[in-house]
Amino acid sequence: MRRFLALALLLAGCKVGGFVANTLGDVVGQTDDVACDRRTGSEPAPFCQEVTDTVAVSQVKDDCITKFSAAGTEGKCPREKIIAGCKIHKDNDDGSEVFDWYYDVSGESPDAGFKDFPRTADDVKALCEDPTRYEEGATYQATP
């Protein structure tokens, strides 16, 4: 019986592992929100990625800092100057949700390094609908 259960779990793949991790995280209070503010870092971008209710807080935060030299922090993205966002259509094993929140960076110095950035909610909506940006798809979100 143990072998059958082990085989069933193995065949079920990561989804089961993610479900168990998410459930366990909820039980012991280890899920949280994490943000990667890409407005800072080696290649500034006009958005902050927010992962809500995840068990992978440290991993997301560390990846943000290591890969992008950006500001990885626990909690949600800053709300000031958000134009709108995109909710990414990705099934995460832990049940978390991912949002890219786009900011008005038009008042920033040219030295800040922003190249092309959205200025309006319609610009953000176009980004959400762009399959080259979001292969898995994304849904437009008004301000949080």
N, C-alpha and C. Protein backbone atom coordinates (compact mmCIF):
# COMPACT_ATOMS: atom_id res chain seq x y z
N MET A 1 0.83 -1.20 0.00
CA MET A 1 0.00 0.00 0.00
C MET A 1 0.87 1.26 0.00
N ARG A 2 1.96 1.24 0.79
CA ARG A 2 2.84 2.41 0.84
C ARG A 2 3.45 2.68 -0.53
N ARG A 3 3.85 1.60 -1.20
CA ARG A 3 4.45 1.76 -2.52
C ARG A 3 3.45 2.37 -3.50
N PHE A 4 2.21 1.93 -3.43
CA PHE A 4 1.18 2.47 -4.32
C PHE A 4 0.98 3.96 -4.05
N LEU A 5 0.90 4.34 -2.79
CA LEU A 5 0.72 5.75 -2.42
C LEU A 5 1.92 6.58 -2.88
N ALA A 6 3.12 6.08 -2.67
CA ALA A 6 4.32 6.79 -3.10
C ALA A 6 4.33 6.95 -4.62
N LEU A 7 3.97 5.91 -5.34
CA LEU A 7 3.91 5.98 -6.80
C LEU A 7 2.85 6.97 -7.25
N ALA A 8 1.70 6.96 -6.62
CA ALA A 8 0.63 7.89 -6.98
C ALA A 8 1.07 9.33 -6.77
N LEU A 9 1.75 9.59 -5.66
CA LEU A 9 2.25 10.94 -5.40
C LEU A 9 3.31 11.34 -6.40
N LEU A 10 4.18 10.40 -6.75
CA LEU A 10 5.23 10.68 -7.73
C LEU A 10 4.61 11.00 -9.08
N LEU A 11 3.62 10.24 -9.49
CA LEU A 11 2.97 10.46 -10.77
C LEU A 11 2.17 11.75 -10.79
N ALA A 12 1.66 12.15 -9.65
CA ALA A 12 0.87 13.39 -9.59
C ALA A 12 1.75 14.61 -9.80
N GLY A 13 3.04 14.47 -9.55
CA GLY A 13 3.98 15.54 -9.85
C GLY A 13 3.97 16.66 -8.84
N CYS A 14 4.45 17.77 -9.30
CA CYS A 14 4.67 18.93 -8.44
C CYS A 14 3.38 19.55 -7.94
N LYS A 15 2.29 19.38 -8.66
CA LYS A 15 1.03 19.98 -8.22
C LYS A 15 0.66 19.52 -6.82
N VAL A 16 0.82 18.23 -6.56
CA VAL A 16 0.52 17.71 -5.23
C VAL A 16 1.47 18.31 -4.20
N GLY A 17 2.76 18.34 -4.55
CA GLY A 17 3.75 18.93 -3.64
C GLY A 17 3.43 20.37 -3.34
N GLY A 18 3.06 21.12 -4.38
CA GLY A 18 2.71 22.52 -4.19
C GLY A 18 1.47 22.68 -3.33
N PHE A 19 0.46 21.82 -3.56
CA PHE A 19 -0.75 21.87 -2.77
C PHE A 19 -0.45 21.58 -1.30
N VAL A 20 0.37 20.55 -1.07
CA VAL A 20 0.74 20.21 0.31
C VAL A 20 1.50 21.36 0.95
N ALA A 21 2.47 21.93 0.21
CA ALA A 21 3.26 23.05 0.75
C ALA A 21 2.37 24.24 1.06
N ASN A 22 1.42 24.52 0.16
CA ASN A 22 0.52 25.65 0.37
C ASN A 22 -0.37 25.41 1.58
N THR A 23 -0.93 24.21 1.68
CA THR A 23 -1.78 23.88 2.80
C THR A 23 -1.00 23.93 4.11
N LEU A 24 0.18 23.33 4.11
CA LEU A 24 1.02 23.35 5.30
C LEU A 24 1.41 24.78 5.66
N GLY A 25 1.75 25.57 4.63
CA GLY A 25 2.11 26.97 4.88
C GLY A 25 0.96 27.72 5.51
N ASP A 26 -0.27 27.49 5.02
CA ASP A 26 -1.43 28.16 5.61
C ASP A 26 -1.65 27.72 7.05
N VAL A 27 -1.44 26.44 7.33
CA VAL A 27 -1.67 25.93 8.67
C VAL A 27 -0.67 26.53 9.66
N VAL A 28 0.58 26.61 9.27
CA VAL A 28 1.59 27.11 10.19
C VAL A 28 1.88 28.60 9.98
N GLY A 29 1.11 29.25 9.09
CA GLY A 29 1.24 30.68 8.91
C GLY A 29 2.48 31.11 8.14
N GLN A 30 2.93 30.29 7.22
CA GLN A 30 4.17 30.62 6.53
C GLN A 30 3.96 31.15 5.11
N THR A 31 2.75 31.45 4.70
CA THR A 31 2.57 32.09 3.40
C THR A 31 2.55 33.59 3.62
N ASP A 32 3.04 34.31 2.62
CA ASP A 32 3.08 35.77 2.72
C ASP A 32 3.19 36.35 1.32
N ASP A 33 3.20 37.65 1.24
CA ASP A 33 3.36 38.36 -0.02
C ASP A 33 4.81 38.79 -0.16
N VAL A 34 5.27 38.92 -1.40
CA VAL A 34 6.64 39.37 -1.66
C VAL A 34 6.61 40.21 -2.93
N ALA A 35 7.50 41.20 -2.99
CA ALA A 35 7.55 42.10 -4.13
C ALA A 35 8.97 42.23 -4.66
N CYS A 36 9.06 42.44 -5.97
CA CYS A 36 10.33 42.71 -6.64
C CYS A 36 10.16 44.02 -7.40
N ASP A 37 10.65 45.10 -6.82
CA ASP A 37 10.49 46.43 -7.41
C ASP A 37 11.60 46.65 -8.43
N ARG A 38 11.25 46.53 -9.70
CA ARG A 38 12.23 46.61 -10.78
C ARG A 38 12.57 48.05 -11.16
N ARG A 39 11.96 49.03 -10.51
CA ARG A 39 12.31 50.42 -10.80
C ARG A 39 13.73 50.73 -10.35
N THR A 40 14.28 49.88 -9.52
CA THR A 40 15.67 50.02 -9.09
C THR A 40 16.46 48.88 -9.71
N GLY A 41 17.74 48.95 -9.66
CA GLY A 41 18.54 47.81 -10.11
C GLY A 41 19.36 48.11 -11.35
N SER A 42 19.97 47.06 -11.87
CA SER A 42 20.90 47.19 -12.98
C SER A 42 20.21 47.57 -14.29
N GLU A 43 18.99 47.11 -14.51
CA GLU A 43 18.21 47.45 -15.69
C GLU A 43 16.83 47.91 -15.25
N PRO A 44 16.68 49.19 -14.90
CA PRO A 44 15.41 49.67 -14.38
C PRO A 44 14.25 49.44 -15.35
N ALA A 45 13.13 49.00 -14.80
CA ALA A 45 11.91 48.79 -15.56
C ALA A 45 10.77 49.44 -14.76
N PRO A 46 9.74 49.92 -15.43
CA PRO A 46 8.70 50.70 -14.75
C PRO A 46 7.63 49.87 -14.04
N PHE A 47 8.03 48.73 -13.47
CA PHE A 47 7.02 47.90 -12.80
C PHE A 47 7.60 47.23 -11.56
N CYS A 48 6.68 46.72 -10.77
CA CYS A 48 7.01 45.94 -9.58
C CYS A 48 6.20 44.66 -9.68
N GLN A 49 6.87 43.52 -9.51
CA GLN A 49 6.16 42.24 -9.55
C GLN A 49 5.81 41.83 -8.13
N GLU A 50 4.54 41.49 -7.94
CA GLU A 50 4.02 41.13 -6.61
C GLU A 50 3.50 39.69 -6.65
N VAL A 51 3.95 38.89 -5.71
CA VAL A 51 3.49 37.51 -5.59
C VAL A 51 2.74 37.43 -4.27
N THR A 52 1.46 37.08 -4.33
CA THR A 52 0.63 37.07 -3.12
C THR A 52 0.42 35.66 -2.60
N ASP A 53 0.42 35.54 -1.30
CA ASP A 53 0.11 34.30 -0.59
C ASP A 53 0.98 33.13 -1.08
N THR A 54 2.30 33.32 -1.00
CA THR A 54 3.22 32.29 -1.47
C THR A 54 4.03 31.71 -0.31
N VAL A 55 4.46 30.48 -0.50
CA VAL A 55 5.37 29.86 0.46
C VAL A 55 6.82 30.11 0.07
N ALA A 56 7.04 30.74 -1.09
CA ALA A 56 8.38 30.94 -1.63
C ALA A 56 8.88 32.37 -1.45
N VAL A 57 8.57 33.00 -0.35
CA VAL A 57 8.95 34.40 -0.11
C VAL A 57 10.45 34.60 -0.26
N SER A 58 11.26 33.82 0.45
CA SER A 58 12.71 34.02 0.39
C SER A 58 13.26 33.77 -1.00
N GLN A 59 12.75 32.76 -1.69
CA GLN A 59 13.24 32.45 -3.03
C GLN A 59 12.94 33.59 -3.99
N VAL A 60 11.72 34.12 -3.97
CA VAL A 60 11.35 35.22 -4.87
C VAL A 60 12.20 36.45 -4.54
N LYS A 61 12.33 36.73 -3.27
CA LYS A 61 13.12 37.89 -2.84
C LYS A 61 14.59 37.74 -3.26
N ASP A 62 15.17 36.59 -3.02
CA ASP A 62 16.57 36.34 -3.39
C ASP A 62 16.77 36.40 -4.91
N ASP A 63 15.85 35.82 -5.69
CA ASP A 63 15.93 35.87 -7.14
C ASP A 63 15.89 37.30 -7.64
N CYS A 64 15.03 38.10 -7.05
CA CYS A 64 14.89 39.50 -7.43
C CYS A 64 16.22 40.25 -7.24
N ILE A 65 16.81 40.04 -6.11
CA ILE A 65 18.06 40.72 -5.78
C ILE A 65 19.20 40.20 -6.65
N THR A 66 19.29 38.88 -6.77
CA THR A 66 20.39 38.26 -7.51
C THR A 66 20.29 38.49 -9.02
N LYS A 67 19.13 38.25 -9.61
CA LYS A 67 18.98 38.32 -11.06
C LYS A 67 18.88 39.75 -11.59
N PHE A 68 18.24 40.64 -10.82
CA PHE A 68 17.95 41.97 -11.34
C PHE A 68 18.60 43.10 -10.55
N SER A 69 19.28 42.79 -9.47
CA SER A 69 19.83 43.80 -8.56
C SER A 69 18.74 44.79 -8.15
N ALA A 70 17.54 44.28 -8.04
CA ALA A 70 16.37 45.11 -7.71
C ALA A 70 16.03 44.99 -6.23
N ALA A 71 15.02 45.74 -5.82
CA ALA A 71 14.60 45.75 -4.42
C ALA A 71 13.59 44.64 -4.15
N GLY A 72 14.05 43.55 -3.56
CA GLY A 72 13.18 42.45 -3.17
C GLY A 72 12.77 42.64 -1.72
N THR A 73 11.47 42.71 -1.47
CA THR A 73 10.98 42.95 -0.11
C THR A 73 9.77 42.09 0.20
N GLU A 74 9.62 41.78 1.47
CA GLU A 74 8.41 41.09 1.90
C GLU A 74 7.28 42.10 1.91
N GLY A 75 6.09 41.64 1.54
CA GLY A 75 4.93 42.52 1.47
C GLY A 75 4.56 42.83 0.03
N LYS A 76 3.64 43.75 -0.13
CA LYS A 76 3.14 44.11 -1.46
C LYS A 76 3.99 45.22 -2.08
N CYS A 77 3.80 45.42 -3.37
CA CYS A 77 4.48 46.52 -4.08
C CYS A 77 3.96 47.85 -3.54
N PRO A 78 4.81 48.89 -3.58
CA PRO A 78 4.34 50.22 -3.18
C PRO A 78 3.15 50.64 -4.05
N ARG A 79 2.21 51.32 -3.47
CA ARG A 79 0.98 51.70 -4.18
C ARG A 79 1.05 53.09 -4.81
N GLU A 80 1.98 53.92 -4.38
CA GLU A 80 2.06 55.27 -4.90
C GLU A 80 2.48 55.25 -6.37
N LYS A 81 1.81 56.03 -7.18
CA LYS A 81 2.10 56.23 -8.61
C LYS A 81 1.81 55.02 -9.49
N ILE A 82 1.03 54.05 -9.01
CA ILE A 82 0.65 52.92 -9.88
C ILE A 82 -0.36 53.43 -10.91
N ILE A 83 -0.11 53.07 -12.17
CA ILE A 83 -1.05 53.39 -13.25
C ILE A 83 -2.11 52.29 -13.29
N ALA A 84 -1.66 51.04 -13.42
CA ALA A 84 -2.52 49.84 -13.49
C ALA A 84 -1.60 48.63 -13.50
N GLY A 85 -2.19 47.44 -13.65
CA GLY A 85 -1.37 46.24 -13.61
C GLY A 85 -1.89 45.12 -14.48
N CYS A 86 -1.14 44.02 -14.46
CA CYS A 86 -1.48 42.81 -15.19
C CYS A 86 -1.43 41.64 -14.21
N LYS A 87 -2.50 40.86 -14.15
CA LYS A 87 -2.49 39.63 -13.37
C LYS A 87 -2.07 38.52 -14.32
N ILE A 88 -0.95 37.90 -14.02
CA ILE A 88 -0.37 36.90 -14.92
C ILE A 88 -1.11 35.57 -14.77
N HIS A 89 -1.45 34.97 -15.90
CA HIS A 89 -2.17 33.69 -15.92
C HIS A 89 -1.17 32.55 -15.80
N LYS A 90 -0.72 32.31 -14.61
CA LYS A 90 0.22 31.22 -14.39
C LYS A 90 -0.26 30.44 -13.18
N ASP A 91 -0.32 29.13 -13.31
CA ASP A 91 -0.70 28.27 -12.20
C ASP A 91 0.54 27.95 -11.39
N ASN A 92 0.67 28.59 -10.24
CA ASN A 92 1.80 28.31 -9.35
C ASN A 92 1.43 27.15 -8.44
N ASP A 93 2.39 26.30 -8.18
CA ASP A 93 2.15 25.10 -7.38
C ASP A 93 1.62 25.43 -5.99
N ASP A 94 1.98 26.59 -5.45
CA ASP A 94 1.54 26.92 -4.10
C ASP A 94 0.24 27.72 -4.07
N GLY A 95 -0.38 27.93 -5.23
CA GLY A 95 -1.64 28.65 -5.29
C GLY A 95 -1.49 30.17 -5.25
N SER A 96 -0.27 30.66 -5.29
CA SER A 96 -0.04 32.11 -5.24
C SER A 96 -0.46 32.76 -6.56
N GLU A 97 -0.64 34.08 -6.51
CA GLU A 97 -0.98 34.85 -7.70
C GLU A 97 0.12 35.87 -7.94
N VAL A 98 0.34 36.20 -9.23
CA VAL A 98 1.42 37.12 -9.60
C VAL A 98 0.83 38.30 -10.37
N PHE A 99 1.24 39.50 -9.96
CA PHE A 99 0.80 40.75 -10.58
C PHE A 99 2.03 41.57 -10.96
N ASP A 100 1.98 42.20 -12.12
CA ASP A 100 2.96 43.22 -12.48
C ASP A 100 2.23 44.56 -12.39
N TRP A 101 2.68 45.43 -11.48
CA TRP A 101 2.08 46.75 -11.32
C TRP A 101 2.98 47.77 -12.00
N TYR A 102 2.41 48.53 -12.93
CA TYR A 102 3.17 49.52 -13.70
C TYR A 102 2.99 50.91 -13.09
N TYR A 103 4.08 51.66 -13.10
CA TYR A 103 4.14 52.96 -12.44
C TYR A 103 4.32 54.11 -13.43
N ASP A 104 3.87 55.28 -13.01
CA ASP A 104 4.13 56.51 -13.75
C ASP A 104 5.55 56.95 -13.41
N VAL A 105 6.45 56.77 -14.35
CA VAL A 105 7.85 57.16 -14.15
C VAL A 105 8.21 58.35 -15.05
N SER A 106 7.18 59.01 -15.61
CA SER A 106 7.43 60.11 -16.55
C SER A 106 8.16 61.28 -15.90
N GLY A 107 8.05 61.45 -14.59
CA GLY A 107 8.73 62.54 -13.91
C GLY A 107 10.14 62.21 -13.47
N GLU A 108 10.59 61.00 -13.74
CA GLU A 108 11.94 60.59 -13.34
C GLU A 108 12.99 61.22 -14.25
N SER A 109 14.15 61.39 -13.71
CA SER A 109 15.29 61.94 -14.47
C SER A 109 15.65 61.01 -15.62
N PRO A 110 16.09 61.57 -16.75
CA PRO A 110 16.55 60.71 -17.86
C PRO A 110 17.69 59.78 -17.42
N ASP A 111 18.43 60.17 -16.39
CA ASP A 111 19.52 59.33 -15.88
C ASP A 111 19.01 58.09 -15.15
N ALA A 112 17.70 58.04 -14.85
CA ALA A 112 17.14 56.89 -14.13
C ALA A 112 17.20 55.61 -14.97
N GLY A 113 17.29 55.76 -16.30
CA GLY A 113 17.47 54.58 -17.15
C GLY A 113 16.21 53.98 -17.72
N PHE A 114 15.05 54.61 -17.55
CA PHE A 114 13.82 54.06 -18.12
C PHE A 114 13.79 54.36 -19.62
N LYS A 115 13.61 53.32 -20.43
CA LYS A 115 13.63 53.51 -21.88
C LYS A 115 12.22 53.72 -22.40
N ASP A 116 11.44 52.69 -22.46
CA ASP A 116 10.07 52.78 -22.95
C ASP A 116 9.17 52.40 -21.79
N PHE A 117 8.18 53.22 -21.51
CA PHE A 117 7.33 52.94 -20.36
C PHE A 117 5.90 53.37 -20.64
N PRO A 118 4.94 52.70 -20.00
CA PRO A 118 3.53 53.07 -20.19
C PRO A 118 3.23 54.40 -19.50
N ARG A 119 2.35 55.17 -20.12
CA ARG A 119 1.96 56.47 -19.55
C ARG A 119 0.50 56.49 -19.11
N THR A 120 -0.30 55.57 -19.67
CA THR A 120 -1.73 55.56 -19.36
C THR A 120 -2.19 54.14 -19.05
N ALA A 121 -3.43 54.04 -18.55
CA ALA A 121 -4.02 52.73 -18.29
C ALA A 121 -4.18 51.94 -19.59
N ASP A 122 -4.47 52.63 -20.69
CA ASP A 122 -4.59 51.94 -21.98
C ASP A 122 -3.24 51.35 -22.41
N ASP A 123 -2.15 52.05 -22.11
CA ASP A 123 -0.82 51.51 -22.41
C ASP A 123 -0.57 50.23 -21.62
N VAL A 124 -0.96 50.23 -20.36
CA VAL A 124 -0.79 49.03 -19.52
C VAL A 124 -1.66 47.89 -20.05
N LYS A 125 -2.88 48.21 -20.42
CA LYS A 125 -3.79 47.19 -20.96
C LYS A 125 -3.18 46.54 -22.19
N ALA A 126 -2.55 47.35 -23.05
CA ALA A 126 -1.90 46.81 -24.25
C ALA A 126 -0.75 45.88 -23.86
N LEU A 127 0.00 46.21 -22.81
CA LEU A 127 1.07 45.33 -22.34
C LEU A 127 0.49 43.99 -21.86
N CYS A 128 -0.61 44.05 -21.12
CA CYS A 128 -1.23 42.82 -20.62
C CYS A 128 -1.67 41.90 -21.76
N GLU A 129 -2.10 42.50 -22.85
CA GLU A 129 -2.61 41.73 -23.98
C GLU A 129 -1.51 41.29 -24.95
N ASP A 130 -0.28 41.69 -24.70
CA ASP A 130 0.84 41.40 -25.60
C ASP A 130 1.40 40.00 -25.32
N PRO A 131 1.18 39.04 -26.24
CA PRO A 131 1.66 37.67 -26.01
C PRO A 131 3.18 37.54 -26.01
N THR A 132 3.89 38.52 -26.56
CA THR A 132 5.35 38.46 -26.51
C THR A 132 5.86 38.85 -25.13
N ARG A 133 5.06 39.59 -24.40
CA ARG A 133 5.43 39.97 -23.03
C ARG A 133 4.95 38.92 -22.03
N TYR A 134 3.71 38.47 -22.20
CA TYR A 134 3.11 37.48 -21.30
C TYR A 134 2.65 36.27 -22.11
N GLU A 135 3.57 35.32 -22.29
CA GLU A 135 3.27 34.12 -23.08
C GLU A 135 2.08 33.35 -22.52
N GLU A 136 1.99 33.30 -21.18
CA GLU A 136 0.90 32.55 -20.57
C GLU A 136 -0.38 33.36 -20.49
N GLY A 137 -0.32 34.62 -20.91
CA GLY A 137 -1.46 35.52 -20.88
C GLY A 137 -1.53 36.31 -19.58
N ALA A 138 -2.23 37.42 -19.64
CA ALA A 138 -2.40 38.27 -18.46
C ALA A 138 -3.71 39.05 -18.61
N THR A 139 -4.29 39.38 -17.49
CA THR A 139 -5.53 40.14 -17.46
C THR A 139 -5.26 41.52 -16.87
N TYR A 140 -5.78 42.54 -17.53
CA TYR A 140 -5.64 43.91 -17.07
C TYR A 140 -6.28 44.07 -15.70
N GLN A 141 -5.61 44.81 -14.82
CA GLN A 141 -6.12 45.09 -13.48
C GLN A 141 -6.06 46.59 -13.24
N ALA A 142 -7.17 47.17 -12.83
CA ALA A 142 -7.15 48.59 -12.44
C ALA A 142 -6.30 48.69 -11.17
N THR A 143 -6.07 49.87 -10.69
CA THR A 143 -5.24 50.04 -9.51
C THR A 143 -5.73 49.17 -8.35
N PRO A 144 -4.79 48.70 -7.54
CA PRO A 144 -5.15 47.78 -6.44
C PRO A 144 -5.99 48.43 -5.37
